[in-house]
Amino acid sequence: MAAARADEMDADTVNRELSIARKAIGWWQRHGWIEGDPTIGIERRPAPPDRTKALAENQITALWRLDVALREKTFRDACLEDSLDLAELACSGTVARPAHWSRCRRRLLRGLMR
């Protein structure tokens, strides 16, 4: 079942979940809850090369000079401060919200996305 699920996910997701499982298993072993490691023999998948490109300095400068509404400026600044993947946001309309965001910021951004 896990192998079938893994076949449907990209390499980065599989590797991240494998890493999380291994950390949890190590913790469980240290506490004596389990003895073996069920992830032995499971290899990390090779991740495809990152083909994204950073914005050039002149593009960043142009972005900051845009005359946009306060709503868009606030949203952009909050996303950039927290290093959100703006390309993912633009495509899907959602991003995984960082755990360190305050409740106030989450409510603000949720309102800005409407």
PDB file of N, CA and C in Angstrom:
ATOM      1  N   MET A   1       0.827  -1.187   0.000  1.00  0.00           N
ATOM      2  CA  MET A   1       0.000   0.000   0.000  1.00  0.00           C
ATOM      3  C   MET A   1       0.875   1.257   0.000  1.00  0.00           C
ATOM      4  N   ALA A   2       1.897   1.270   0.842  1.00  0.00           N
ATOM      5  CA  ALA A   2       2.771   2.442   0.894  1.00  0.00           C
ATOM      6  C   ALA A   2       3.517   2.614  -0.412  1.00  0.00           C
ATOM      7  N   ALA A   3       3.926   1.504  -1.029  1.00  0.00           N
ATOM      8  CA  ALA A   3       4.646   1.594  -2.305  1.00  0.00           C
ATOM      9  C   ALA A   3       3.743   2.148  -3.397  1.00  0.00           C
ATOM     10  N   ALA A   4       2.489   1.723  -3.406  1.00  0.00           N
ATOM     11  CA  ALA A   4       1.542   2.235  -4.406  1.00  0.00           C
ATOM     12  C   ALA A   4       1.313   3.715  -4.200  1.00  0.00           C
ATOM     13  N   ARG A   5       1.209   4.126  -2.949  1.00  0.00           N
ATOM     14  CA  ARG A   5       1.024   5.556  -2.652  1.00  0.00           C
ATOM     15  C   ARG A   5       2.250   6.347  -3.072  1.00  0.00           C
ATOM     16  N   ALA A   6       3.421   5.793  -2.804  1.00  0.00           N
ATOM     17  CA  ALA A   6       4.668   6.474  -3.151  1.00  0.00           C
ATOM     18  C   ALA A   6       4.808   6.644  -4.660  1.00  0.00           C
ATOM     19  N   ASP A   7       4.269   5.683  -5.424  1.00  0.00           N
ATOM     20  CA  ASP A   7       4.352   5.786  -6.882  1.00  0.00           C
ATOM     21  C   ASP A   7       3.566   6.974  -7.418  1.00  0.00           C
ATOM     22  N   GLU A   8       2.588   7.462  -6.644  1.00  0.00           N
ATOM     23  CA  GLU A   8       1.753   8.575  -7.078  1.00  0.00           C
ATOM     24  C   GLU A   8       2.322   9.937  -6.683  1.00  0.00           C
ATOM     25  N   MET A   9       3.406   9.940  -5.880  1.00  0.00           N
ATOM     26  CA  MET A   9       3.969  11.197  -5.380  1.00  0.00           C
ATOM     27  C   MET A   9       5.308  11.484  -6.061  1.00  0.00           C
ATOM     28  N   ASP A  10       5.682  12.769  -6.048  1.00  0.00           N
ATOM     29  CA  ASP A  10       6.976  13.115  -6.626  1.00  0.00           C
ATOM     30  C   ASP A  10       8.092  12.763  -5.638  1.00  0.00           C
ATOM     31  N   ALA A  11       9.319  12.758  -6.131  1.00  0.00           N
ATOM     32  CA  ALA A  11      10.474  12.332  -5.341  1.00  0.00           C
ATOM     33  C   ALA A  11      10.668  13.175  -4.082  1.00  0.00           C
ATOM     34  N   ASP A  12      10.472  14.475  -4.185  1.00  0.00           N
ATOM     35  CA  ASP A  12      10.658  15.341  -3.018  1.00  0.00           C
ATOM     36  C   ASP A  12       9.690  14.973  -1.893  1.00  0.00           C
ATOM     37  N   THR A  13       8.458  14.685  -2.245  1.00  0.00           N
ATOM     38  CA  THR A  13       7.455  14.316  -1.245  1.00  0.00           C
ATOM     39  C   THR A  13       7.807  12.983  -0.604  1.00  0.00           C
ATOM     40  N   VAL A  14       8.167  11.998  -1.417  1.00  0.00           N
ATOM     41  CA  VAL A  14       8.541  10.683  -0.896  1.00  0.00           C
ATOM     42  C   VAL A  14       9.745  10.811   0.029  1.00  0.00           C
ATOM     43  N   ASN A  15      10.760  11.557  -0.398  1.00  0.00           N
ATOM     44  CA  ASN A  15      11.964  11.716   0.422  1.00  0.00           C
ATOM     45  C   ASN A  15      11.667  12.434   1.734  1.00  0.00           C
ATOM     46  N   ARG A  16      10.812  13.438   1.686  1.00  0.00           N
ATOM     47  CA  ARG A  16      10.450  14.168   2.903  1.00  0.00           C
ATOM     48  C   ARG A  16       9.714  13.245   3.869  1.00  0.00           C
ATOM     49  N   GLU A  17       8.755  12.484   3.368  1.00  0.00           N
ATOM     50  CA  GLU A  17       7.994  11.584   4.239  1.00  0.00           C
ATOM     51  C   GLU A  17       8.864  10.462   4.780  1.00  0.00           C
ATOM     52  N   LEU A  18       9.809   9.976   3.987  1.00  0.00           N
ATOM     53  CA  LEU A  18      10.744   8.955   4.458  1.00  0.00           C
ATOM     54  C   LEU A  18      11.625   9.515   5.575  1.00  0.00           C
ATOM     55  N   SER A  19      12.074  10.728   5.409  1.00  0.00           N
ATOM     56  CA  SER A  19      12.889  11.376   6.438  1.00  0.00           C
ATOM     57  C   SER A  19      12.100  11.550   7.733  1.00  0.00           C
ATOM     58  N   ILE A  20      10.853  11.974   7.624  1.00  0.00           N
ATOM     59  CA  ILE A  20       9.998  12.142   8.802  1.00  0.00           C
ATOM     60  C   ILE A  20       9.798  10.797   9.496  1.00  0.00           C
ATOM     61  N   ALA A  21       9.523   9.756   8.708  1.00  0.00           N
ATOM     62  CA  ALA A  21       9.317   8.418   9.285  1.00  0.00           C
ATOM     63  C   ALA A  21      10.571   7.954  10.009  1.00  0.00           C
ATOM     64  N   ARG A  22      11.736   8.179   9.418  1.00  0.00           N
ATOM     65  CA  ARG A  22      12.981   7.737  10.048  1.00  0.00           C
ATOM     66  C   ARG A  22      13.260   8.484  11.341  1.00  0.00           C
ATOM     67  N   LYS A  23      12.953   9.755  11.389  1.00  0.00           N
ATOM     68  CA  LYS A  23      13.124  10.517  12.635  1.00  0.00           C
ATOM     69  C   LYS A  23      12.194   9.979  13.718  1.00  0.00           C
ATOM     70  N   ALA A  24      10.947   9.713  13.358  1.00  0.00           N
ATOM     71  CA  ALA A  24       9.982   9.189  14.328  1.00  0.00           C
ATOM     72  C   ALA A  24      10.413   7.809  14.816  1.00  0.00           C
ATOM     73  N   ILE A  25      10.848   6.971  13.898  1.00  0.00           N
ATOM     74  CA  ILE A  25      11.281   5.619  14.272  1.00  0.00           C
ATOM     75  C   ILE A  25      12.475   5.678  15.221  1.00  0.00           C
ATOM     76  N   GLY A  26      13.425   6.567  14.957  1.00  0.00           N
ATOM     77  CA  GLY A  26      14.570   6.739  15.849  1.00  0.00           C
ATOM     78  C   GLY A  26      14.134   7.151  17.245  1.00  0.00           C
ATOM     79  N   TRP A  27      13.159   8.043  17.315  1.00  0.00           N
ATOM     80  CA  TRP A  27      12.656   8.498  18.621  1.00  0.00           C
ATOM     81  C   TRP A  27      11.957   7.351  19.349  1.00  0.00           C
ATOM     82  N   TRP A  28      11.141   6.588  18.598  1.00  0.00           N
ATOM     83  CA  TRP A  28      10.438   5.457  19.199  1.00  0.00           C
ATOM     84  C   TRP A  28      11.433   4.411  19.703  1.00  0.00           C
ATOM     85  N   GLN A  29      12.516   4.187  18.934  1.00  0.00           N
ATOM     86  CA  GLN A  29      13.530   3.226  19.361  1.00  0.00           C
ATOM     87  C   GLN A  29      14.226   3.690  20.639  1.00  0.00           C
ATOM     88  N   ARG A  30      14.560   4.959  20.715  1.00  0.00           N
ATOM     89  CA  ARG A  30      15.228   5.487  21.916  1.00  0.00           C
ATOM     90  C   ARG A  30      14.350   5.360  23.153  1.00  0.00           C
ATOM     91  N   HIS A  31      13.044   5.392  22.963  1.00  0.00           N
ATOM     92  CA  HIS A  31      12.115   5.265  24.085  1.00  0.00           C
ATOM     93  C   HIS A  31      11.694   3.812  24.330  1.00  0.00           C
ATOM     94  N   GLY A  32      12.251   2.899  23.540  1.00  0.00           N
ATOM     95  CA  GLY A  32      11.962   1.491  23.733  1.00  0.00           C
ATOM     96  C   GLY A  32      10.606   1.035  23.236  1.00  0.00           C
ATOM     97  N   TRP A  33       9.974   1.821  22.407  1.00  0.00           N
ATOM     98  CA  TRP A  33       8.644   1.461  21.921  1.00  0.00           C
ATOM     99  C   TRP A  33       8.706   0.444  20.785  1.00  0.00           C
ATOM    100  N   ILE A  34       9.761   0.522  19.972  1.00  0.00           N
ATOM    101  CA  ILE A  34       9.958  -0.457  18.900  1.00  0.00           C
ATOM    102  C   ILE A  34      11.428  -0.836  18.872  1.00  0.00           C
ATOM    103  N   GLU A  35      11.722  -1.992  18.294  1.00  0.00           N
ATOM    104  CA  GLU A  35      13.114  -2.441  18.225  1.00  0.00           C
ATOM    105  C   GLU A  35      13.683  -2.315  16.817  1.00  0.00           C
ATOM    106  N   GLY A  36      12.931  -2.713  15.824  1.00  0.00           N
ATOM    107  CA  GLY A  36      13.431  -2.710  14.457  1.00  0.00           C
ATOM    108  C   GLY A  36      13.172  -1.400  13.746  1.00  0.00           C
ATOM    109  N   ASP A  37      13.735  -1.301  12.544  1.00  0.00           N
ATOM    110  CA  ASP A  37      13.516  -0.127  11.700  1.00  0.00           C
ATOM    111  C   ASP A  37      12.858  -0.584  10.404  1.00  0.00           C
ATOM    112  N   PRO A  38      11.548  -0.365  10.263  1.00  0.00           N
ATOM    113  CA  PRO A  38      10.853  -0.822   9.057  1.00  0.00           C
ATOM    114  C   PRO A  38      11.264  -0.098   7.775  1.00  0.00           C
ATOM    115  N   THR A  39      12.066   0.963   7.904  1.00  0.00           N
ATOM    116  CA  THR A  39      12.478   1.681   6.690  1.00  0.00           C
ATOM    117  C   THR A  39      13.807   1.179   6.131  1.00  0.00           C
ATOM    118  N   ILE A  40      14.413   0.196   6.800  1.00  0.00           N
ATOM    119  CA  ILE A  40      15.673  -0.359   6.275  1.00  0.00           C
ATOM    120  C   ILE A  40      15.400  -0.953   4.899  1.00  0.00           C
ATOM    121  N   GLY A  41      16.235  -0.606   3.956  1.00  0.00           N
ATOM    122  CA  GLY A  41      16.077  -1.095   2.592  1.00  0.00           C
ATOM    123  C   GLY A  41      15.299  -0.148   1.689  1.00  0.00           C
ATOM    124  N   ILE A  42      14.665   0.853   2.273  1.00  0.00           N
ATOM    125  CA  ILE A  42      13.949   1.840   1.459  1.00  0.00           C
ATOM    126  C   ILE A  42      14.940   2.953   1.115  1.00  0.00           C
ATOM    127  N   GLU A  43      15.124   3.184  -0.139  1.00  0.00           N
ATOM    128  CA  GLU A  43      16.088   4.180  -0.605  1.00  0.00           C
ATOM    129  C   GLU A  43      15.396   5.501  -0.924  1.00  0.00           C
ATOM    130  N   ARG A  44      16.128   6.572  -0.730  1.00  0.00           N
ATOM    131  CA  ARG A  44      15.639   7.878  -1.164  1.00  0.00           C
ATOM    132  C   ARG A  44      15.562   7.891  -2.687  1.00  0.00           C
ATOM    133  N   ARG A  45      14.601   8.592  -3.198  1.00  0.00           N
ATOM    134  CA  ARG A  45      14.467   8.714  -4.655  1.00  0.00           C
ATOM    135  C   ARG A  45      15.301   9.875  -5.157  1.00  0.00           C
ATOM    136  N   PRO A  46      15.883   9.735  -6.325  1.00  0.00           N
ATOM    137  CA  PRO A  46      16.617  10.875  -6.883  1.00  0.00           C
ATOM    138  C   PRO A  46      15.637  11.978  -7.269  1.00  0.00           C
ATOM    139  N   ALA A  47      15.896  13.158  -6.778  1.00  0.00           N
ATOM    140  CA  ALA A  47      15.030  14.299  -7.072  1.00  0.00           C
ATOM    141  C   ALA A  47      15.433  14.920  -8.402  1.00  0.00           C
ATOM    142  N   PRO A  48      14.457  15.373  -9.162  1.00  0.00           N
ATOM    143  CA  PRO A  48      14.798  16.051 -10.420  1.00  0.00           C
ATOM    144  C   PRO A  48      15.521  17.364 -10.119  1.00  0.00           C
ATOM    145  N   PRO A  49      16.357  17.815 -11.055  1.00  0.00           N
ATOM    146  CA  PRO A  49      17.078  19.071 -10.809  1.00  0.00           C
ATOM    147  C   PRO A  49      16.114  20.250 -10.701  1.00  0.00           C
ATOM    148  N   ASP A  50      16.476  21.197  -9.868  1.00  0.00           N
ATOM    149  CA  ASP A  50      15.672  22.407  -9.691  1.00  0.00           C
ATOM    150  C   ASP A  50      15.910  23.326 -10.878  1.00  0.00           C
ATOM    151  N   ARG A  51      14.877  23.556 -11.649  1.00  0.00           N
ATOM    152  CA  ARG A  51      15.011  24.392 -12.847  1.00  0.00           C
ATOM    153  C   ARG A  51      14.405  25.782 -12.651  1.00  0.00           C
ATOM    154  N   THR A  52      14.027  26.098 -11.417  1.00  0.00           N
ATOM    155  CA  THR A  52      13.475  27.426 -11.165  1.00  0.00           C
ATOM    156  C   THR A  52      14.598  28.450 -11.182  1.00  0.00           C
ATOM    157  N   LYS A  53      14.251  29.654 -11.512  1.00  0.00           N
ATOM    158  CA  LYS A  53      15.245  30.717 -11.577  1.00  0.00           C
ATOM    159  C   LYS A  53      14.837  31.847 -10.645  1.00  0.00           C
ATOM    160  N   ALA A  54      15.805  32.376  -9.953  1.00  0.00           N
ATOM    161  CA  ALA A  54      15.551  33.522  -9.090  1.00  0.00           C
ATOM    162  C   ALA A  54      15.312  34.754  -9.953  1.00  0.00           C
ATOM    163  N   LEU A  55      14.579  35.699  -9.398  1.00  0.00           N
ATOM    164  CA  LEU A  55      14.372  36.954 -10.116  1.00  0.00           C
ATOM    165  C   LEU A  55      15.681  37.723 -10.186  1.00  0.00           C
ATOM    166  N   ALA A  56      15.895  38.384 -11.293  1.00  0.00           N
ATOM    167  CA  ALA A  56      17.070  39.248 -11.444  1.00  0.00           C
ATOM    168  C   ALA A  56      16.860  40.508 -10.600  1.00  0.00           C
ATOM    169  N   GLU A  57      17.934  41.177 -10.277  1.00  0.00           N
ATOM    170  CA  GLU A  57      17.870  42.378  -9.439  1.00  0.00           C
ATOM    171  C   GLU A  57      16.916  43.428 -10.022  1.00  0.00           C
ATOM    172  N   ASN A  58      16.975  43.624 -11.337  1.00  0.00           N
ATOM    173  CA  ASN A  58      16.091  44.622 -11.948  1.00  0.00           C
ATOM    174  C   ASN A  58      14.622  44.193 -11.881  1.00  0.00           C
ATOM    175  N   GLN A  59      14.347  42.896 -11.899  1.00  0.00           N
ATOM    176  CA  GLN A  59      12.972  42.422 -11.768  1.00  0.00           C
ATOM    177  C   GLN A  59      12.452  42.663 -10.347  1.00  0.00           C
ATOM    178  N   ILE A  60      13.306  42.443  -9.367  1.00  0.00           N
ATOM    179  CA  ILE A  60      12.914  42.685  -7.978  1.00  0.00           C
ATOM    180  C   ILE A  60      12.638  44.167  -7.761  1.00  0.00           C
ATOM    181  N   THR A  61      13.510  45.005  -8.295  1.00  0.00           N
ATOM    182  CA  THR A  61      13.320  46.452  -8.176  1.00  0.00           C
ATOM    183  C   THR A  61      12.003  46.873  -8.817  1.00  0.00           C
ATOM    184  N   ALA A  62      11.703  46.333  -9.999  1.00  0.00           N
ATOM    185  CA  ALA A  62      10.449  46.657 -10.681  1.00  0.00           C
ATOM    186  C   ALA A  62       9.251  46.178  -9.869  1.00  0.00           C
ATOM    187  N   LEU A  63       9.381  45.036  -9.238  1.00  0.00           N
ATOM    188  CA  LEU A  63       8.300  44.508  -8.411  1.00  0.00           C
ATOM    189  C   LEU A  63       7.979  45.441  -7.249  1.00  0.00           C
ATOM    190  N   TRP A  64       9.017  45.953  -6.593  1.00  0.00           N
ATOM    191  CA  TRP A  64       8.807  46.846  -5.450  1.00  0.00           C
ATOM    192  C   TRP A  64       8.225  48.191  -5.875  1.00  0.00           C
ATOM    193  N   ARG A  65       8.459  48.580  -7.112  1.00  0.00           N
ATOM    194  CA  ARG A  65       7.974  49.890  -7.583  1.00  0.00           C
ATOM    195  C   ARG A  65       6.543  49.849  -8.110  1.00  0.00           C
ATOM    196  N   LEU A  66       5.969  48.670  -8.229  1.00  0.00           N
ATOM    197  CA  LEU A  66       4.605  48.574  -8.747  1.00  0.00           C
ATOM    198  C   LEU A  66       3.641  49.363  -7.869  1.00  0.00           C
ATOM    199  N   ASP A  67       2.760  50.091  -8.520  1.00  0.00           N
ATOM    200  CA  ASP A  67       1.752  50.849  -7.792  1.00  0.00           C
ATOM    201  C   ASP A  67       0.512  49.966  -7.669  1.00  0.00           C
ATOM    202  N   VAL A  68       0.459  49.226  -6.568  1.00  0.00           N
ATOM    203  CA  VAL A  68      -0.656  48.320  -6.346  1.00  0.00           C
ATOM    204  C   VAL A  68      -1.358  48.697  -5.042  1.00  0.00           C
ATOM    205  N   ALA A  69      -2.535  48.135  -4.856  1.00  0.00           N
ATOM    206  CA  ALA A  69      -3.328  48.436  -3.660  1.00  0.00           C
ATOM    207  C   ALA A  69      -2.638  47.923  -2.401  1.00  0.00           C
ATOM    208  N   LEU A  70      -2.992  48.508  -1.289  1.00  0.00           N
ATOM    209  CA  LEU A  70      -2.424  48.118  -0.004  1.00  0.00           C
ATOM    210  C   LEU A  70      -2.613  46.628   0.255  1.00  0.00           C
ATOM    211  N   ARG A  71      -3.754  46.091  -0.158  1.00  0.00           N
ATOM    212  CA  ARG A  71      -4.030  44.662   0.035  1.00  0.00           C
ATOM    213  C   ARG A  71      -2.942  43.822  -0.622  1.00  0.00           C
ATOM    214  N   GLU A  72      -2.618  44.121  -1.875  1.00  0.00           N
ATOM    215  CA  GLU A  72      -1.605  43.350  -2.594  1.00  0.00           C
ATOM    216  C   GLU A  72      -0.218  43.558  -1.998  1.00  0.00           C
ATOM    217  N   LYS A  73       0.085  44.792  -1.580  1.00  0.00           N
ATOM    218  CA  LYS A  73       1.391  45.052  -0.965  1.00  0.00           C
ATOM    219  C   LYS A  73       1.543  44.269   0.339  1.00  0.00           C
ATOM    220  N   THR A  74       0.499  44.255   1.145  1.00  0.00           N
ATOM    221  CA  THR A  74       0.537  43.534   2.418  1.00  0.00           C
ATOM    222  C   THR A  74       0.720  42.048   2.181  1.00  0.00           C
ATOM    223  N   PHE A  75      -0.031  41.513   1.242  1.00  0.00           N
ATOM    224  CA  PHE A  75       0.049  40.097   0.918  1.00  0.00           C
ATOM    225  C   PHE A  75       1.441  39.745   0.400  1.00  0.00           C
ATOM    226  N   ARG A  76       1.952  40.542  -0.526  1.00  0.00           N
ATOM    227  CA  ARG A  76       3.285  40.309  -1.099  1.00  0.00           C
ATOM    228  C   ARG A  76       4.349  40.361  -0.014  1.00  0.00           C
ATOM    229  N   ASP A  77       4.293  41.362   0.842  1.00  0.00           N
ATOM    230  CA  ASP A  77       5.300  41.511   1.887  1.00  0.00           C
ATOM    231  C   ASP A  77       5.268  40.346   2.865  1.00  0.00           C
ATOM    232  N   ALA A  78       4.066  39.917   3.250  1.00  0.00           N
ATOM    233  CA  ALA A  78       3.946  38.792   4.181  1.00  0.00           C
ATOM    234  C   ALA A  78       4.502  37.523   3.558  1.00  0.00           C
ATOM    235  N   CYS A  79       4.210  37.311   2.290  1.00  0.00           N
ATOM    236  CA  CYS A  79       4.721  36.119   1.606  1.00  0.00           C
ATOM    237  C   CYS A  79       6.241  36.162   1.486  1.00  0.00           C
ATOM    238  N   LEU A  80       6.781  37.307   1.113  1.00  0.00           N
ATOM    239  CA  LEU A  80       8.223  37.419   0.947  1.00  0.00           C
ATOM    240  C   LEU A  80       8.957  37.312   2.279  1.00  0.00           C
ATOM    241  N   GLU A  81       8.386  37.867   3.334  1.00  0.00           N
ATOM    242  CA  GLU A  81       9.006  37.767   4.661  1.00  0.00           C
ATOM    243  C   GLU A  81       9.120  36.326   5.107  1.00  0.00           C
ATOM    244  N   ASP A  82       8.141  35.515   4.742  1.00  0.00           N
ATOM    245  CA  ASP A  82       8.137  34.126   5.170  1.00  0.00           C
ATOM    246  C   ASP A  82       8.621  33.178   4.082  1.00  0.00           C
ATOM    247  N   SER A  83       9.195  33.704   3.024  1.00  0.00           N
ATOM    248  CA  SER A  83       9.771  32.904   1.940  1.00  0.00           C
ATOM    249  C   SER A  83       8.782  31.901   1.364  1.00  0.00           C
ATOM    250  N   LEU A  84       7.564  32.317   1.169  1.00  0.00           N
ATOM    251  CA  LEU A  84       6.584  31.426   0.571  1.00  0.00           C
ATOM    252  C   LEU A  84       6.877  31.264  -0.907  1.00  0.00           C
ATOM    253  N   ASP A  85       6.471  30.159  -1.440  1.00  0.00           N
ATOM    254  CA  ASP A  85       6.651  29.879  -2.855  1.00  0.00           C
ATOM    255  C   ASP A  85       5.543  30.609  -3.614  1.00  0.00           C
ATOM    256  N   LEU A  86       5.868  31.790  -4.119  1.00  0.00           N
ATOM    257  CA  LEU A  86       4.852  32.607  -4.787  1.00  0.00           C
ATOM    258  C   LEU A  86       4.386  31.979  -6.093  1.00  0.00           C
ATOM    259  N   ALA A  87       5.256  31.204  -6.751  1.00  0.00           N
ATOM    260  CA  ALA A  87       4.837  30.524  -7.979  1.00  0.00           C
ATOM    261  C   ALA A  87       3.782  29.473  -7.654  1.00  0.00           C
ATOM    262  N   GLU A  88       3.979  28.739  -6.563  1.00  0.00           N
ATOM    263  CA  GLU A  88       2.986  27.746  -6.139  1.00  0.00           C
ATOM    264  C   GLU A  88       1.674  28.430  -5.785  1.00  0.00           C
ATOM    265  N   LEU A  89       1.785  29.547  -5.098  1.00  0.00           N
ATOM    266  CA  LEU A  89       0.597  30.290  -4.702  1.00  0.00           C
ATOM    267  C   LEU A  89      -0.163  30.784  -5.925  1.00  0.00           C
ATOM    268  N   ALA A  90       0.558  31.293  -6.904  1.00  0.00           N
ATOM    269  CA  ALA A  90      -0.084  31.822  -8.106  1.00  0.00           C
ATOM    270  C   ALA A  90      -0.808  30.719  -8.876  1.00  0.00           C
ATOM    271  N   CYS A  91      -0.239  29.517  -8.884  1.00  0.00           N
ATOM    272  CA  CYS A  91      -0.843  28.407  -9.633  1.00  0.00           C
ATOM    273  C   CYS A  91      -2.022  27.779  -8.905  1.00  0.00           C
ATOM    274  N   SER A  92      -1.874  27.586  -7.596  1.00  0.00           N
ATOM    275  CA  SER A  92      -2.889  26.824  -6.873  1.00  0.00           C
ATOM    276  C   SER A  92      -3.792  27.678  -6.003  1.00  0.00           C
ATOM    277  N   GLY A  93      -3.331  28.880  -5.631  1.00  0.00           N
ATOM    278  CA  GLY A  93      -4.111  29.713  -4.735  1.00  0.00           C
ATOM    279  C   GLY A  93      -3.912  29.376  -3.270  1.00  0.00           C
ATOM    280  N   THR A  94      -3.088  28.355  -2.998  1.00  0.00           N
ATOM    281  CA  THR A  94      -2.821  27.972  -1.613  1.00  0.00           C
ATOM    282  C   THR A  94      -1.351  27.610  -1.463  1.00  0.00           C
ATOM    283  N   VAL A  95      -0.865  27.702  -0.261  1.00  0.00           N
ATOM    284  CA  VAL A  95       0.474  27.218   0.081  1.00  0.00           C
ATOM    285  C   VAL A  95       0.405  26.608   1.466  1.00  0.00           C
ATOM    286  N   ALA A  96       1.360  25.736   1.748  1.00  0.00           N
ATOM    287  CA  ALA A  96       1.442  25.198   3.105  1.00  0.00           C
ATOM    288  C   ALA A  96       1.836  26.349   4.023  1.00  0.00           C
ATOM    289  N   ARG A  97       1.069  26.569   5.041  1.00  0.00           N
ATOM    290  CA  ARG A  97       1.291  27.710   5.914  1.00  0.00           C
ATOM    291  C   ARG A  97       2.369  27.359   6.936  1.00  0.00           C
ATOM    292  N   PRO A  98       3.387  28.190   7.067  1.00  0.00           N
ATOM    293  CA  PRO A  98       4.429  27.927   8.043  1.00  0.00           C
ATOM    294  C   PRO A  98       3.873  27.858   9.464  1.00  0.00           C
ATOM    295  N   ALA A  99       4.410  26.930  10.246  1.00  0.00           N
ATOM    296  CA  ALA A  99       3.906  26.707  11.596  1.00  0.00           C
ATOM    297  C   ALA A  99       4.119  27.919  12.499  1.00  0.00           C
ATOM    298  N   HIS A 100       5.113  28.758  12.185  1.00  0.00           N
ATOM    299  CA  HIS A 100       5.425  29.881  13.068  1.00  0.00           C
ATOM    300  C   HIS A 100       4.539  31.106  12.829  1.00  0.00           C
ATOM    301  N   TRP A 101       3.644  31.038  11.857  1.00  0.00           N
ATOM    302  CA  TRP A 101       2.773  32.184  11.628  1.00  0.00           C
ATOM    303  C   TRP A 101       1.855  32.391  12.822  1.00  0.00           C
ATOM    304  N   SER A 102       1.647  33.614  13.163  1.00  0.00           N
ATOM    305  CA  SER A 102       0.726  33.923  14.249  1.00  0.00           C
ATOM    306  C   SER A 102      -0.709  33.761  13.752  1.00  0.00           C
ATOM    307  N   ARG A 103      -1.637  33.608  14.690  1.00  0.00           N
ATOM    308  CA  ARG A 103      -3.045  33.486  14.321  1.00  0.00           C
ATOM    309  C   ARG A 103      -3.511  34.740  13.595  1.00  0.00           C
ATOM    310  N   CYS A 104      -2.998  35.889  14.020  1.00  0.00           N
ATOM    311  CA  CYS A 104      -3.373  37.156  13.386  1.00  0.00           C
ATOM    312  C   CYS A 104      -2.930  37.181  11.924  1.00  0.00           C
ATOM    313  N   ARG A 105      -1.684  36.761  11.661  1.00  0.00           N
ATOM    314  CA  ARG A 105      -1.189  36.770  10.276  1.00  0.00           C
ATOM    315  C   ARG A 105      -1.969  35.782   9.429  1.00  0.00           C
ATOM    316  N   ARG A 106      -2.282  34.624   9.963  1.00  0.00           N
ATOM    317  CA  ARG A 106      -3.055  33.646   9.180  1.00  0.00           C
ATOM    318  C   ARG A 106      -4.416  34.226   8.810  1.00  0.00           C
ATOM    319  N   ARG A 107      -5.068  34.886   9.770  1.00  0.00           N
ATOM    320  CA  ARG A 107      -6.380  35.486   9.484  1.00  0.00           C
ATOM    321  C   ARG A 107      -6.238  36.604   8.443  1.00  0.00           C
ATOM    322  N   LEU A 108      -5.201  37.415   8.563  1.00  0.00           N
ATOM    323  CA  LEU A 108      -4.973  38.494   7.603  1.00  0.00           C
ATOM    324  C   LEU A 108      -4.785  37.942   6.200  1.00  0.00           C
ATOM    325  N   LEU A 109      -3.926  36.963   6.050  1.00  0.00           N
ATOM    326  CA  LEU A 109      -3.664  36.409   4.721  1.00  0.00           C
ATOM    327  C   LEU A 109      -4.877  35.668   4.165  1.00  0.00           C
ATOM    328  N   ARG A 110      -5.599  34.977   5.040  1.00  0.00           N
ATOM    329  CA  ARG A 110      -6.814  34.294   4.571  1.00  0.00           C
ATOM    330  C   ARG A 110      -7.789  35.324   4.011  1.00  0.00           C
ATOM    331  N   GLY A 111      -7.901  36.475   4.669  1.00  0.00           N
ATOM    332  CA  GLY A 111      -8.781  37.531   4.184  1.00  0.00           C
ATOM    333  C   GLY A 111      -8.282  38.150   2.892  1.00  0.00           C
ATOM    334  N   LEU A 112      -6.962  38.272   2.751  1.00  0.00           N
ATOM    335  CA  LEU A 112      -6.394  38.866   1.544  1.00  0.00           C
ATOM    336  C   LEU A 112      -6.557  37.960   0.332  1.00  0.00           C
ATOM    337  N   MET A 113      -6.654  36.649   0.554  1.00  0.00           N
ATOM    338  CA  MET A 113      -6.775  35.709  -0.558  1.00  0.00           C
ATOM    339  C   MET A 113      -8.199  35.629  -1.093  1.00  0.00           C
ATOM    340  N   ARG A 114      -9.137  36.264  -0.421  1.00  0.00           N
ATOM    341  CA  ARG A 114     -10.538  36.203  -0.890  1.00  0.00           C
ATOM    342  C   ARG A 114     -10.739  37.077  -2.080  1.00  0.00           C
TER     343      ARG A 114
END
